[in-house]
Amino acid sequence: MTHTPHRHRDEELCEAGLDLYSRALREGHLPGVAATTAPCLIDIGLLHPAVDEPDRLEPVAPTVALQRLLRASEERIAGERRRGQRLADAFEPLMRLGRPTVANEGTPSLRLLTGKERAGRAIAEAMAEGTEQLLAIQPHDGLVTGPFHHHEAAMERDQAFLDRGGRVRALYQHTVRHAPLIIGRYERLTGDVEARSLNEVTERLVIVDRTVAFIPASADRSLALEVRHPALVAYFITTFDRLWHLATPMHPQAVQQPTLNGITPRQRAIAALLVEGHTDASIADRLGMNVRTARVHIAKLAATLGSESRAQLGYLIGQSGILDQER
């Protein structure tokens, strides 16, 4: 490295360095002394001595230089991420020391889990110890590969729980009632397992044996919260039970939702959200479908009711009485 007050980060290109590099590209080479004004060009490899004449500096092609700098930047970012994970691993047991614990027990009431893999391991460990009941709410994000992707390890984990006499109750959105991978999952599981669906559900929730619950702790679900506080777990169970009684059975015995006056159940759910003023994107998110699918259903609903505009559609929904029929 050249020792000089002229210093900055490798991925940056100073004004003096940019001018000198541009000159080298135009002229094809520079005398070695020219680099004294911008030694960073040699340090980061944009200029290098010629093989046959070491006192002459030749420029590296911009495309090659850019790829080299980008690769170095990506390696630094990956290194920082690894460092962050090591710090999180080191501080996790320390953070437990400052958290309130369940009365008369040494188990922390709340534990932050970093990364989806760690959250998955924590759920698997809780289920391995469980013998009674698993309650789960599994919202759909509108992507085919989202909630449909179930690893064989997860299937084996759930079956082992059922084999020990546990029972499984799962809530989904209506949008996955006929999804082959969801239906196939429950057809493979044997034991006391039931699934129901609603138009809308809460965020993801897993409760094992009425003693521990898992909920997302970040929007992208890269963080999860393990909850063992009895009051909070009881609250989650009450929420699940009330949603469960409102839901429509989908496994093992599926109950078909009726079509009223040519309006499907999904269209009625969309109609209710349209009347409330939700956007297409908001409707898609709440009902667990992509925006394109939501717009297709809105168009079919408008055609059925004879609407020619969004404003008229809201009026016709109110006049049709389909929401009263839903209630």
Foldseek 3Di string as FASTA:
>chain_A
DDDDPQDDDLLDADPLRVVVLVVLVVVQKAFQVSCVSPVSCVVLVQWAADPVGRRIIGGDPPVVSVVSSVVVVVVVVVVVVVVVVVVCVVCQVVVQVPADPAPPDSDGQKGKAAFPVRVVVVVLVLLVPFAEEKEKEDEAQADPCPPLDDDVVNLVSVQVNQVSVYAYEYEYAPVCLPPVSVVVSVVPRDHRYWYWYHQFDDAIKMDTPLAWMKGAPDPVSSMIMIGRHNVVSVVVVVRRVVVVVVTATRPPDGDDDDADLNHHPNLLQLLVVLLVPDDLCVSCRRRNHHSVVSVVSVVVQCVSQVHDDSVVSNVSSVVVCVNVVVD
